[in-house]
PDB file of N, CA and C in Angstrom:
ATOM      1  N   MET A   1     264.764 241.887  66.232  1.00  0.00           N
ATOM      2  CA  MET A   1     263.631 241.900  65.338  1.00  0.00           C
ATOM      3  C   MET A   1     263.922 241.057  64.097  1.00  0.00           C
ATOM      4  N   TYR A   2     265.118 241.203  63.536  1.00  0.00           N
ATOM      5  CA  TYR A   2     265.458 240.440  62.326  1.00  0.00           C
ATOM      6  C   TYR A   2     265.552 238.948  62.615  1.00  0.00           C
ATOM      7  N   ALA A   3     266.038 238.602  63.783  1.00  0.00           N
ATOM      8  CA  ALA A   3     266.138 237.187  64.165  1.00  0.00           C
ATOM      9  C   ALA A   3     264.748 236.563  64.273  1.00  0.00           C
ATOM     10  N   ALA A   4     263.801 237.298  64.856  1.00  0.00           N
ATOM     11  CA  ALA A   4     262.430 236.788  64.972  1.00  0.00           C
ATOM     12  C   ALA A   4     261.805 236.619  63.594  1.00  0.00           C
ATOM     13  N   GLU A   5     262.007 237.593  62.722  1.00  0.00           N
ATOM     14  CA  GLU A   5     261.455 237.487  61.371  1.00  0.00           C
ATOM     15  C   GLU A   5     262.046 236.292  60.631  1.00  0.00           C
ATOM     16  N   ASN A   6     263.360 236.104  60.746  1.00  0.00           N
ATOM     17  CA  ASN A   6     264.001 234.953  60.089  1.00  0.00           C
ATOM     18  C   ASN A   6     263.456 233.629  60.623  1.00  0.00           C
ATOM     19  N   ALA A   7     263.194 233.573  61.914  1.00  0.00           N
ATOM     20  CA  ALA A   7     262.644 232.350  62.508  1.00  0.00           C
ATOM     21  C   ALA A   7     261.268 232.043  61.941  1.00  0.00           C
ATOM     22  N   TRP A   8     260.426 233.060  61.789  1.00  0.00           N
ATOM     23  CA  TRP A   8     259.090 232.853  61.209  1.00  0.00           C
ATOM     24  C   TRP A   8     259.215 232.400  59.757  1.00  0.00           C
ATOM     25  N   HIS A   9     260.115 233.018  59.011  1.00  0.00           N
ATOM     26  CA  HIS A   9     260.310 232.645  57.602  1.00  0.00           C
ATOM     27  C   HIS A   9     260.739 231.187  57.483  1.00  0.00           C
ATOM     28  N   LYS A  10     261.623 230.755  58.355  1.00  0.00           N
ATOM     29  CA  LYS A  10     262.072 229.356  58.320  1.00  0.00           C
ATOM     30  C   LYS A  10     260.949 228.404  58.718  1.00  0.00           C
ATOM     31  N   LEU A  11     260.216 228.763  59.767  1.00  0.00           N
ATOM     32  CA  LEU A  11     259.146 227.903  60.256  1.00  0.00           C
ATOM     33  C   LEU A  11     258.062 227.684  59.190  1.00  0.00           C
ATOM     34  N   PHE A  12     257.739 228.717  58.435  1.00  0.00           N
ATOM     35  CA  PHE A  12     256.658 228.630  57.457  1.00  0.00           C
ATOM     36  C   PHE A  12     257.162 228.633  56.012  1.00  0.00           C
ATOM     37  N   ALA A  13     258.419 228.263  55.796  1.00  0.00           N
ATOM     38  CA  ALA A  13     259.012 228.274  54.454  1.00  0.00           C
ATOM     39  C   ALA A  13     258.199 227.467  53.443  1.00  0.00           C
ATOM     40  N   ALA A  14     257.656 226.358  53.855  1.00  0.00           N
ATOM     41  CA  ALA A  14     256.869 225.517  52.937  1.00  0.00           C
ATOM     42  C   ALA A  14     255.577 226.202  52.494  1.00  0.00           C
ATOM     43  N   ASN A  15     255.170 227.248  53.214  1.00  0.00           N
ATOM     44  CA  ASN A  15     253.932 227.950  52.893  1.00  0.00           C
ATOM     45  C   ASN A  15     254.159 229.273  52.161  1.00  0.00           C
ATOM     46  N   ARG A  16     255.409 229.526  51.788  1.00  0.00           N
ATOM     47  CA  ARG A  16     255.715 230.791  51.101  1.00  0.00           C
ATOM     48  C   ARG A  16     255.046 230.795  49.722  1.00  0.00           C
ATOM     49  N   VAL A  17     254.341 231.884  49.434  1.00  0.00           N
ATOM     50  CA  VAL A  17     253.706 232.041  48.134  1.00  0.00           C
ATOM     51  C   VAL A  17     254.623 232.852  47.221  1.00  0.00           C
ATOM     52  N   LYS A  18     255.061 234.012  47.719  1.00  0.00           N
ATOM     53  CA  LYS A  18     255.962 234.868  46.943  1.00  0.00           C
ATOM     54  C   LYS A  18     256.521 235.937  47.880  1.00  0.00           C
ATOM     55  N   GLY A  19     257.829 236.049  47.900  1.00  0.00           N
ATOM     56  CA  GLY A  19     258.469 237.091  48.712  1.00  0.00           C
ATOM     57  C   GLY A  19     258.060 237.021  50.172  1.00  0.00           C
ATOM     58  N   GLU A  20     257.382 238.059  50.653  1.00  0.00           N
ATOM     59  CA  GLU A  20     256.946 238.159  52.041  1.00  0.00           C
ATOM     60  C   GLU A  20     255.556 237.562  52.265  1.00  0.00           C
ATOM     61  N   TRP A  21     254.965 236.953  51.270  1.00  0.00           N
ATOM     62  CA  TRP A  21     253.600 236.435  51.363  1.00  0.00           C
ATOM     63  C   TRP A  21     253.599 234.946  51.627  1.00  0.00           C
ATOM     64  N   PHE A  22     252.740 234.525  52.580  1.00  0.00           N
ATOM     65  CA  PHE A  22     252.619 233.128  52.970  1.00  0.00           C
ATOM     66  C   PHE A  22     251.149 232.722  52.950  1.00  0.00           C
ATOM     67  N   ASP A  23     250.898 231.474  52.639  1.00  0.00           N
ATOM     68  CA  ASP A  23     249.549 230.921  52.678  1.00  0.00           C
ATOM     69  C   ASP A  23     249.475 230.009  53.898  1.00  0.00           C
ATOM     70  N   LEU A  24     248.941 230.543  54.997  1.00  0.00           N
ATOM     71  CA  LEU A  24     248.900 229.817  56.263  1.00  0.00           C
ATOM     72  C   LEU A  24     247.502 229.280  56.535  1.00  0.00           C
ATOM     73  N   ASP A  25     247.435 228.114  57.151  1.00  0.00           N
ATOM     74  CA  ASP A  25     246.129 227.618  57.574  1.00  0.00           C
ATOM     75  C   ASP A  25     245.804 228.225  58.937  1.00  0.00           C
ATOM     76  N   ALA A  26     244.611 227.951  59.432  1.00  0.00           N
ATOM     77  CA  ALA A  26     244.153 228.571  60.683  1.00  0.00           C
ATOM     78  C   ALA A  26     245.054 228.230  61.862  1.00  0.00           C
ATOM     79  N   LYS A  27     245.519 226.996  61.957  1.00  0.00           N
ATOM     80  CA  LYS A  27     246.372 226.614  63.087  1.00  0.00           C
ATOM     81  C   LYS A  27     247.703 227.355  63.050  1.00  0.00           C
ATOM     82  N   GLN A  28     248.274 227.516  61.865  1.00  0.00           N
ATOM     83  CA  GLN A  28     249.536 228.252  61.748  1.00  0.00           C
ATOM     84  C   GLN A  28     249.327 229.724  62.120  1.00  0.00           C
ATOM     85  N   PHE A  29     248.247 230.288  61.622  1.00  0.00           N
ATOM     86  CA  PHE A  29     247.953 231.682  61.948  1.00  0.00           C
ATOM     87  C   PHE A  29     247.788 231.859  63.455  1.00  0.00           C
ATOM     88  N   LEU A  30     247.063 230.942  64.082  1.00  0.00           N
ATOM     89  CA  LEU A  30     246.836 231.052  65.520  1.00  0.00           C
ATOM     90  C   LEU A  30     248.122 230.924  66.317  1.00  0.00           C
ATOM     91  N   LYS A  31     249.066 230.136  65.829  1.00  0.00           N
ATOM     92  CA  LYS A  31     250.365 230.034  66.492  1.00  0.00           C
ATOM     93  C   LYS A  31     251.029 231.412  66.530  1.00  0.00           C
ATOM     94  N   ILE A  32     251.021 232.089  65.413  1.00  0.00           N
ATOM     95  CA  ILE A  32     251.602 233.432  65.339  1.00  0.00           C
ATOM     96  C   ILE A  32     250.827 234.392  66.248  1.00  0.00           C
ATOM     97  N   ALA A  33     249.510 234.355  66.154  1.00  0.00           N
ATOM     98  CA  ALA A  33     248.678 235.282  66.931  1.00  0.00           C
ATOM     99  C   ALA A  33     248.887 235.093  68.427  1.00  0.00           C
ATOM    100  N   ARG A  34     248.960 233.853  68.873  1.00  0.00           N
ATOM    101  CA  ARG A  34     249.146 233.600  70.309  1.00  0.00           C
ATOM    102  C   ARG A  34     250.515 234.085  70.781  1.00  0.00           C
ATOM    103  N   GLU A  35     251.520 233.900  69.946  1.00  0.00           N
ATOM    104  CA  GLU A  35     252.851 234.385  70.339  1.00  0.00           C
ATOM    105  C   GLU A  35     252.894 235.907  70.371  1.00  0.00           C
ATOM    106  N   PHE A  36     252.223 236.570  69.414  1.00  0.00           N
ATOM    107  CA  PHE A  36     252.133 238.023  69.449  1.00  0.00           C
ATOM    108  C   PHE A  36     251.394 238.475  70.700  1.00  0.00           C
ATOM    109  N   LYS A  37     250.324 237.762  71.029  1.00  0.00           N
ATOM    110  CA  LYS A  37     249.551 238.114  72.226  1.00  0.00           C
ATOM    111  C   LYS A  37     250.444 238.074  73.458  1.00  0.00           C
ATOM    112  N   ALA A  38     251.226 237.018  73.572  1.00  0.00           N
ATOM    113  CA  ALA A  38     252.104 236.879  74.731  1.00  0.00           C
ATOM    114  C   ALA A  38     253.209 237.934  74.718  1.00  0.00           C
ATOM    115  N   GLU A  39     253.814 238.132  73.565  1.00  0.00           N
ATOM    116  CA  GLU A  39     254.949 239.056  73.488  1.00  0.00           C
ATOM    117  C   GLU A  39     254.531 240.510  73.665  1.00  0.00           C
ATOM    118  N   PHE A  40     253.410 240.891  73.025  1.00  0.00           N
ATOM    119  CA  PHE A  40     252.998 242.293  73.045  1.00  0.00           C
ATOM    120  C   PHE A  40     251.885 242.578  74.055  1.00  0.00           C
ATOM    121  N   ARG A  41     251.514 241.553  74.821  1.00  0.00           N
ATOM    122  CA  ARG A  41     250.512 241.690  75.871  1.00  0.00           C
ATOM    123  C   ARG A  41     249.197 242.287  75.358  1.00  0.00           C
ATOM    124  N   VAL A  42     248.664 241.705  74.279  1.00  0.00           N
ATOM    125  CA  VAL A  42     247.386 242.134  73.721  1.00  0.00           C
ATOM    126  C   VAL A  42     246.271 241.557  74.579  1.00  0.00           C
ATOM    127  N   HIS A  43     245.336 242.380  74.986  1.00  0.00           N
ATOM    128  CA  HIS A  43     244.226 241.944  75.819  1.00  0.00           C
ATOM    129  C   HIS A  43     242.903 242.381  75.196  1.00  0.00           C
ATOM    130  N   SER A  44     241.822 241.770  75.629  1.00  0.00           N
ATOM    131  CA  SER A  44     240.515 242.083  75.059  1.00  0.00           C
ATOM    132  C   SER A  44     240.154 243.554  75.228  1.00  0.00           C
ATOM    133  N   ARG A  45     240.645 244.192  76.272  1.00  0.00           N
ATOM    134  CA  ARG A  45     240.305 245.605  76.448  1.00  0.00           C
ATOM    135  C   ARG A  45     240.925 246.468  75.345  1.00  0.00           C
ATOM    136  N   ASP A  46     241.894 245.927  74.607  1.00  0.00           N
ATOM    137  CA  ASP A  46     242.531 246.655  73.521  1.00  0.00           C
ATOM    138  C   ASP A  46     241.722 246.569  72.225  1.00  0.00           C
ATOM    139  N   ARG A  47     240.718 245.705  72.191  1.00  0.00           N
ATOM    140  CA  ARG A  47     239.938 245.524  70.975  1.00  0.00           C
ATOM    141  C   ARG A  47     239.021 246.716  70.754  1.00  0.00           C
ATOM    142  N   VAL A  48     238.786 247.012  69.502  1.00  0.00           N
ATOM    143  CA  VAL A  48     237.895 248.113  69.149  1.00  0.00           C
ATOM    144  C   VAL A  48     236.767 247.577  68.279  1.00  0.00           C
ATOM    145  N   VAL A  49     235.682 248.313  68.258  1.00  0.00           N
ATOM    146  CA  VAL A  49     234.562 247.959  67.402  1.00  0.00           C
ATOM    147  C   VAL A  49     234.823 248.550  66.025  1.00  0.00           C
ATOM    148  N   GLU A  50     234.728 247.696  65.014  1.00  0.00           N
ATOM    149  CA  GLU A  50     234.903 248.174  63.645  1.00  0.00           C
ATOM    150  C   GLU A  50     233.674 248.984  63.236  1.00  0.00           C
ATOM    151  N   ASP A  51     233.755 249.635  62.093  1.00  0.00           N
ATOM    152  CA  ASP A  51     232.645 250.426  61.578  1.00  0.00           C
ATOM    153  C   ASP A  51     231.587 249.462  61.033  1.00  0.00           C
ATOM    154  N   LEU A  52     230.639 249.085  61.887  1.00  0.00           N
ATOM    155  CA  LEU A  52     229.636 248.081  61.533  1.00  0.00           C
ATOM    156  C   LEU A  52     228.392 248.733  60.948  1.00  0.00           C
ATOM    157  N   LYS A  53     227.814 248.053  59.951  1.00  0.00           N
ATOM    158  CA  LYS A  53     226.595 248.535  59.312  1.00  0.00           C
ATOM    159  C   LYS A  53     225.581 247.399  59.250  1.00  0.00           C
ATOM    160  N   ILE A  54     224.351 247.688  59.603  1.00  0.00           N
ATOM    161  CA  ILE A  54     223.282 246.698  59.508  1.00  0.00           C
ATOM    162  C   ILE A  54     223.204 246.212  58.059  1.00  0.00           C
ATOM    163  N   GLY A  55     223.128 244.895  57.884  1.00  0.00           N
ATOM    164  CA  GLY A  55     223.084 244.303  56.546  1.00  0.00           C
ATOM    165  C   GLY A  55     224.461 243.989  55.988  1.00  0.00           C
ATOM    166  N   GLY A  56     225.504 244.445  56.671  1.00  0.00           N
ATOM    167  CA  GLY A  56     226.868 244.180  56.224  1.00  0.00           C
ATOM    168  C   GLY A  56     227.262 242.732  56.441  1.00  0.00           C
ATOM    169  N   ILE A  57     228.196 242.259  55.627  1.00  0.00           N
ATOM    170  CA  ILE A  57     228.698 240.893  55.724  1.00  0.00           C
ATOM    171  C   ILE A  57     230.012 240.922  56.496  1.00  0.00           C
ATOM    172  N   TYR A  58     230.098 240.109  57.543  1.00  0.00           N
ATOM    173  CA  TYR A  58     231.244 240.097  58.429  1.00  0.00           C
ATOM    174  C   TYR A  58     231.644 238.657  58.754  1.00  0.00           C
ATOM    175  N   TYR A  59     232.611 238.503  59.670  1.00  0.00           N
ATOM    176  CA  TYR A  59     233.098 237.189  60.077  1.00  0.00           C
ATOM    177  C   TYR A  59     233.177 237.124  61.592  1.00  0.00           C
ATOM    178  N   ILE A  60     232.914 235.920  62.109  1.00  0.00           N
ATOM    179  CA  ILE A  60     233.115 235.654  63.525  1.00  0.00           C
ATOM    180  C   ILE A  60     233.839 234.317  63.651  1.00  0.00           C
ATOM    181  N   SER A  61     234.410 234.070  64.822  1.00  0.00           N
ATOM    182  CA  SER A  61     234.979 232.766  65.133  1.00  0.00           C
ATOM    183  C   SER A  61     234.463 232.362  66.497  1.00  0.00           C
ATOM    184  N   VAL A  62     233.903 231.172  66.576  1.00  0.00           N
ATOM    185  CA  VAL A  62     233.394 230.697  67.864  1.00  0.00           C
ATOM    186  C   VAL A  62     234.316 229.673  68.496  1.00  0.00           C
ATOM    187  N   ASP A  63     235.336 229.231  67.728  1.00  0.00           N
ATOM    188  CA  ASP A  63     236.261 228.228  68.265  1.00  0.00           C
ATOM    189  C   ASP A  63     237.725 228.598  68.094  1.00  0.00           C
ATOM    190  N   GLY A  64     238.010 229.710  67.430  1.00  0.00           N
ATOM    191  CA  GLY A  64     239.388 230.128  67.223  1.00  0.00           C
ATOM    192  C   GLY A  64     240.109 229.374  66.131  1.00  0.00           C
ATOM    193  N   ILE A  65     239.423 228.486  65.428  1.00  0.00           N
ATOM    194  CA  ILE A  65     240.026 227.724  64.332  1.00  0.00           C
ATOM    195  C   ILE A  65     239.292 227.986  63.029  1.00  0.00           C
ATOM    196  N   ASN A  66     237.992 228.052  63.104  1.00  0.00           N
ATOM    197  CA  ASN A  66     237.162 228.273  61.920  1.00  0.00           C
ATOM    198  C   ASN A  66     236.522 229.651  61.985  1.00  0.00           C
ATOM    199  N   THR A  67     236.145 230.162  60.821  1.00  0.00           N
ATOM    200  CA  THR A  67     235.406 231.418  60.777  1.00  0.00           C
ATOM    201  C   THR A  67     234.057 231.164  60.130  1.00  0.00           C
ATOM    202  N   ILE A  68     233.120 232.002  60.471  1.00  0.00           N
ATOM    203  CA  ILE A  68     231.764 231.899  59.942  1.00  0.00           C
ATOM    204  C   ILE A  68     231.403 233.243  59.339  1.00  0.00           C
ATOM    205  N   GLN A  69     230.916 233.213  58.108  1.00  0.00           N
ATOM    206  CA  GLN A  69     230.476 234.440  57.459  1.00  0.00           C
ATOM    207  C   GLN A  69     229.051 234.746  57.931  1.00  0.00           C
ATOM    208  N   VAL A  70     228.850 235.977  58.391  1.00  0.00           N
ATOM    209  CA  VAL A  70     227.576 236.360  58.975  1.00  0.00           C
ATOM    210  C   VAL A  70     227.099 237.694  58.419  1.00  0.00           C
ATOM    211  N   GLU A  71     225.797 237.921  58.570  1.00  0.00           N
ATOM    212  CA  GLU A  71     225.209 239.219  58.245  1.00  0.00           C
ATOM    213  C   GLU A  71     224.820 239.891  59.554  1.00  0.00           C
ATOM    214  N   LEU A  72     225.180 241.151  59.700  1.00  0.00           N
ATOM    215  CA  LEU A  72     224.805 241.906  60.892  1.00  0.00           C
ATOM    216  C   LEU A  72     223.344 242.328  60.751  1.00  0.00           C
ATOM    217  N   VAL A  73     222.503 241.910  61.693  1.00  0.00           N
ATOM    218  CA  VAL A  73     221.076 242.221  61.592  1.00  0.00           C
ATOM    219  C   VAL A  73     220.607 243.242  62.624  1.00  0.00           C
ATOM    220  N   GLU A  74     221.372 243.416  63.691  1.00  0.00           N
ATOM    221  CA  GLU A  74     220.932 244.359  64.713  1.00  0.00           C
ATOM    222  C   GLU A  74     222.099 244.819  65.579  1.00  0.00           C
ATOM    223  N   LEU A  75     222.085 246.093  65.935  1.00  0.00           N
ATOM    224  CA  LEU A  75     223.005 246.670  66.915  1.00  0.00           C
ATOM    225  C   LEU A  75     222.164 247.342  67.979  1.00  0.00           C
ATOM    226  N   GLU A  76     222.492 247.125  69.233  1.00  0.00           N
ATOM    227  CA  GLU A  76     221.720 247.709  70.326  1.00  0.00           C
ATOM    228  C   GLU A  76     222.609 248.485  71.279  1.00  0.00           C
ATOM    229  N   TYR A  77     222.035 249.533  71.845  1.00  0.00           N
ATOM    230  CA  TYR A  77     222.661 250.314  72.901  1.00  0.00           C
ATOM    231  C   TYR A  77     221.967 249.951  74.197  1.00  0.00           C
ATOM    232  N   PHE A  78     222.715 249.737  75.261  1.00  0.00           N
ATOM    233  CA  PHE A  78     222.104 249.509  76.561  1.00  0.00           C
ATOM    234  C   PHE A  78     222.440 250.636  77.531  1.00  0.00           C
ATOM    235  N   ASN A  79     223.702 250.993  77.593  1.00  0.00           N
ATOM    236  CA  ASN A  79     224.144 251.961  78.587  1.00  0.00           C
ATOM    237  C   ASN A  79     224.450 253.331  78.009  1.00  0.00           C
ATOM    238  N   ASP A  80     225.220 253.376  76.953  1.00  0.00           N
ATOM    239  CA  ASP A  80     225.699 254.632  76.385  1.00  0.00           C
ATOM    240  C   ASP A  80     225.188 254.749  74.952  1.00  0.00           C
ATOM    241  N   PRO A  81     224.427 255.782  74.610  1.00  0.00           N
ATOM    242  CA  PRO A  81     223.880 255.906  73.253  1.00  0.00           C
ATOM    243  C   PRO A  81     224.944 256.143  72.178  1.00  0.00           C
ATOM    244  N   ASN A  82     226.184 256.360  72.587  1.00  0.00           N
ATOM    245  CA  ASN A  82     227.268 256.546  71.624  1.00  0.00           C
ATOM    246  C   ASN A  82     228.109 255.291  71.439  1.00  0.00           C
ATOM    247  N   LYS A  83     227.709 254.204  72.112  1.00  0.00           N
ATOM    248  CA  LYS A  83     228.511 252.985  72.064  1.00  0.00           C
ATOM    249  C   LYS A  83     227.594 251.764  71.992  1.00  0.00           C
ATOM    250  N   PHE A  84     227.810 250.930  70.971  1.00  0.00           N
ATOM    251  CA  PHE A  84     227.022 249.708  70.840  1.00  0.00           C
ATOM    252  C   PHE A  84     227.444 248.708  71.913  1.00  0.00           C
ATOM    253  N   ASP A  85     226.469 248.045  72.505  1.00  0.00           N
ATOM    254  CA  ASP A  85     226.737 247.045  73.526  1.00  0.00           C
ATOM    255  C   ASP A  85     226.459 245.627  73.047  1.00  0.00           C
ATOM    256  N   HIS A  86     225.747 245.516  71.935  1.00  0.00           N
ATOM    257  CA  HIS A  86     225.187 244.226  71.569  1.00  0.00           C
ATOM    258  C   HIS A  86     225.051 244.148  70.047  1.00  0.00           C
ATOM    259  N   ALA A  87     225.452 243.027  69.464  1.00  0.00           N
ATOM    260  CA  ALA A  87     225.306 242.804  68.020  1.00  0.00           C
ATOM    261  C   ALA A  87     224.637 241.446  67.797  1.00  0.00           C
ATOM    262  N   ILE A  88     223.697 241.409  66.892  1.00  0.00           N
ATOM    263  CA  ILE A  88     223.058 240.146  66.517  1.00  0.00           C
ATOM    264  C   ILE A  88     223.408 239.874  65.062  1.00  0.00           C
ATOM    265  N   VAL A  89     223.925 238.659  64.814  1.00  0.00           N
ATOM    266  CA  VAL A  89     224.326 238.263  63.464  1.00  0.00           C
ATOM    267  C   VAL A  89     223.672 236.938  63.103  1.00  0.00           C
ATOM    268  N   ASN A  90     223.431 236.765  61.811  1.00  0.00           N
ATOM    269  CA  ASN A  90     222.890 235.516  61.282  1.00  0.00           C
ATOM    270  C   ASN A  90     223.906 234.905  60.328  1.00  0.00           C
ATOM    271  N   GLU A  91     224.064 233.605  60.418  1.00  0.00           N
ATOM    272  CA  GLU A  91     224.956 232.871  59.530  1.00  0.00           C
ATOM    273  C   GLU A  91     224.470 233.017  58.092  1.00  0.00           C
ATOM    274  N   ILE A  92     225.402 233.262  57.163  1.00  0.00           N
ATOM    275  CA  ILE A  92     225.041 233.410  55.754  1.00  0.00           C
ATOM    276  C   ILE A  92     224.619 232.070  55.165  1.00  0.00           C
ATOM    277  N   ARG A  93     225.389 231.034  55.418  1.00  0.00           N
ATOM    278  CA  ARG A  93     225.101 229.714  54.839  1.00  0.00           C
ATOM    279  C   ARG A  93     224.543 228.758  55.891  1.00  0.00           C
ATOM    280  N   GLY A  94     223.501 229.151  56.547  1.00  0.00           N
ATOM    281  CA  GLY A  94     222.912 228.305  57.575  1.00  0.00           C
ATOM    282  C   GLY A  94     221.820 229.043  58.310  1.00  0.00           C
ATOM    283  N   ARG A  95     221.408 228.478  59.398  1.00  0.00           N
ATOM    284  CA  ARG A  95     220.299 229.040  60.158  1.00  0.00           C
ATOM    285  C   ARG A  95     220.692 229.540  61.537  1.00  0.00           C
ATOM    286  N   GLN A  96     221.970 229.456  61.861  1.00  0.00           N
ATOM    287  CA  GLN A  96     222.447 229.843  63.188  1.00  0.00           C
ATOM    288  C   GLN A  96     222.420 231.361  63.346  1.00  0.00           C
ATOM    289  N   SER A  97     222.143 231.795  64.570  1.00  0.00           N
ATOM    290  CA  SER A  97     222.153 233.213  64.911  1.00  0.00           C
ATOM    291  C   SER A  97     222.943 233.370  66.204  1.00  0.00           C
ATOM    292  N   TRP A  98     223.666 234.475  66.348  1.00  0.00           N
ATOM    293  CA  TRP A  98     224.457 234.724  67.549  1.00  0.00           C
ATOM    294  C   TRP A  98     224.189 236.119  68.077  1.00  0.00           C
ATOM    295  N   SER A  99     224.253 236.246  69.372  1.00  0.00           N
ATOM    296  CA  SER A  99     224.202 237.524  70.058  1.00  0.00           C
ATOM    297  C   SER A  99     225.592 237.741  70.640  1.00  0.00           C
ATOM    298  N   LEU A 100     226.278 238.791  70.218  1.00  0.00           N
ATOM    299  CA  LEU A 100     227.693 238.983  70.533  1.00  0.00           C
ATOM    300  C   LEU A 100     227.971 240.395  71.019  1.00  0.00           C
ATOM    301  N   PHE A 101     229.159 240.571  71.576  1.00  0.00           N
ATOM    302  CA  PHE A 101     229.667 241.915  71.778  1.00  0.00           C
ATOM    303  C   PHE A 101     230.079 242.437  70.398  1.00  0.00           C
ATOM    304  N   PRO A 102     229.859 243.699  70.115  1.00  0.00           N
ATOM    305  CA  PRO A 102     230.196 244.225  68.783  1.00  0.00           C
ATOM    306  C   PRO A 102     231.667 244.055  68.391  1.00  0.00           C
ATOM    307  N   ASP A 103     232.579 244.020  69.376  1.00  0.00           N
ATOM    308  CA  ASP A 103     233.993 243.875  69.013  1.00  0.00           C
ATOM    309  C   ASP A 103     234.357 242.447  68.627  1.00  0.00           C
ATOM    310  N   GLU A 104     233.393 241.529  68.623  1.00  0.00           N
ATOM    311  CA  GLU A 104     233.626 240.163  68.162  1.00  0.00           C
ATOM    312  C   GLU A 104     233.309 239.992  66.679  1.00  0.00           C
ATOM    313  N   VAL A 105     232.716 241.007  66.066  1.00  0.00           N
ATOM    314  CA  VAL A 105     232.317 240.972  64.665  1.00  0.00           C
ATOM    315  C   VAL A 105     233.401 241.679  63.851  1.00  0.00           C
ATOM    316  N   ARG A 106     233.973 240.975  62.874  1.00  0.00           N
ATOM    317  CA  ARG A 106     235.113 241.511  62.124  1.00  0.00           C
ATOM    318  C   ARG A 106     234.884 241.491  60.611  1.00  0.00           C
ATOM    319  N   THR A 107     235.608 242.365  59.913  1.00  0.00           N
ATOM    320  CA  THR A 107     235.454 242.485  58.459  1.00  0.00           C
ATOM    321  C   THR A 107     236.218 241.422  57.686  1.00  0.00           C
ATOM    322  N   THR A 108     237.164 240.740  58.333  1.00  0.00           N
ATOM    323  CA  THR A 108     237.949 239.714  57.641  1.00  0.00           C
ATOM    324  C   THR A 108     237.998 238.435  58.475  1.00  0.00           C
ATOM    325  N   PRO A 109     238.189 237.286  57.817  1.00  0.00           N
ATOM    326  CA  PRO A 109     238.348 236.042  58.567  1.00  0.00           C
ATOM    327  C   PRO A 109     239.544 236.075  59.519  1.00  0.00           C
ATOM    328  N   ILE A 110     240.647 236.657  59.069  1.00  0.00           N
ATOM    329  CA  ILE A 110     241.842 236.734  59.920  1.00  0.00           C
ATOM    330  C   ILE A 110     241.557 237.591  61.145  1.00  0.00           C
ATOM    331  N   GLY A 111     240.830 238.681  60.958  1.00  0.00           N
ATOM    332  CA  GLY A 111     240.464 239.522  62.089  1.00  0.00           C
ATOM    333  C   GLY A 111     239.634 238.755  63.112  1.00  0.00           C
ATOM    334  N   ALA A 112     238.721 237.915  62.604  1.00  0.00           N
ATOM    335  CA  ALA A 112     237.883 237.107  63.510  1.00  0.00           C
ATOM    336  C   ALA A 112     238.737 236.106  64.283  1.00  0.00           C
ATOM    337  N   LEU A 113     239.697 235.485  63.632  1.00  0.00           N
ATOM    338  CA  LEU A 113     240.575 234.533  64.326  1.00  0.00           C
ATOM    339  C   LEU A 113     241.455 235.248  65.341  1.00  0.00           C
ATOM    340  N   PHE A 114     242.040 236.351  64.944  1.00  0.00           N
ATOM    341  CA  PHE A 114     242.904 237.073  65.863  1.00  0.00           C
ATOM    342  C   PHE A 114     242.087 237.601  67.041  1.00  0.00           C
ATOM    343  N   ASN A 115     240.885 238.046  66.752  1.00  0.00           N
ATOM    344  CA  ASN A 115     239.992 238.517  67.806  1.00  0.00           C
ATOM    345  C   ASN A 115     239.766 237.433  68.847  1.00  0.00           C
ATOM    346  N   TYR A 116     239.648 236.210  68.407  1.00  0.00           N
ATOM    347  CA  TYR A 116     239.405 235.088  69.307  1.00  0.00           C
ATOM    348  C   TYR A 116     240.577 234.886  70.263  1.00  0.00           C
ATOM    349  N   VAL A 117     241.795 234.983  69.783  1.00  0.00           N
ATOM    350  CA  VAL A 117     242.952 234.728  70.650  1.00  0.00           C
ATOM    351  C   VAL A 117     243.264 235.902  71.561  1.00  0.00           C
ATOM    352  N   THR A 118     242.632 237.045  71.371  1.00  0.00           N
ATOM    353  CA  THR A 118     242.892 238.173  72.258  1.00  0.00           C
ATOM    354  C   THR A 118     241.947 238.195  73.446  1.00  0.00           C
ATOM    355  N   ASN A 119     241.102 237.197  73.567  1.00  0.00           N
ATOM    356  CA  ASN A 119     240.197 237.130  74.727  1.00  0.00           C
ATOM    357  C   ASN A 119     240.975 236.812  75.980  1.00  0.00           C
TER     358      ASN A 119
END
């Protein structure tokens, strides 16, 4: 475990902000996320739906590199009234709208990126 941590610290040394904190860009973050996915065998079935609220501001990623800030406008049930099957979001700074699985909508940009690599 310590050897792996030291390797990450060396790899991203130029991005160290302070102590254990690093300022990583999306590609660097995805490198870490993909390696975690492989090492810990994270799969989409392990994803959970966050506590979503209509009108809430969230993040999605459609390419695994960029995130988009969205507003949740609708949640729908199709099969089980205790479980959302469908989420509709609108882009905050644009006109795009998406129909997604609820577990694709995240509260943070990093969550949206990590969510993308767990597919």
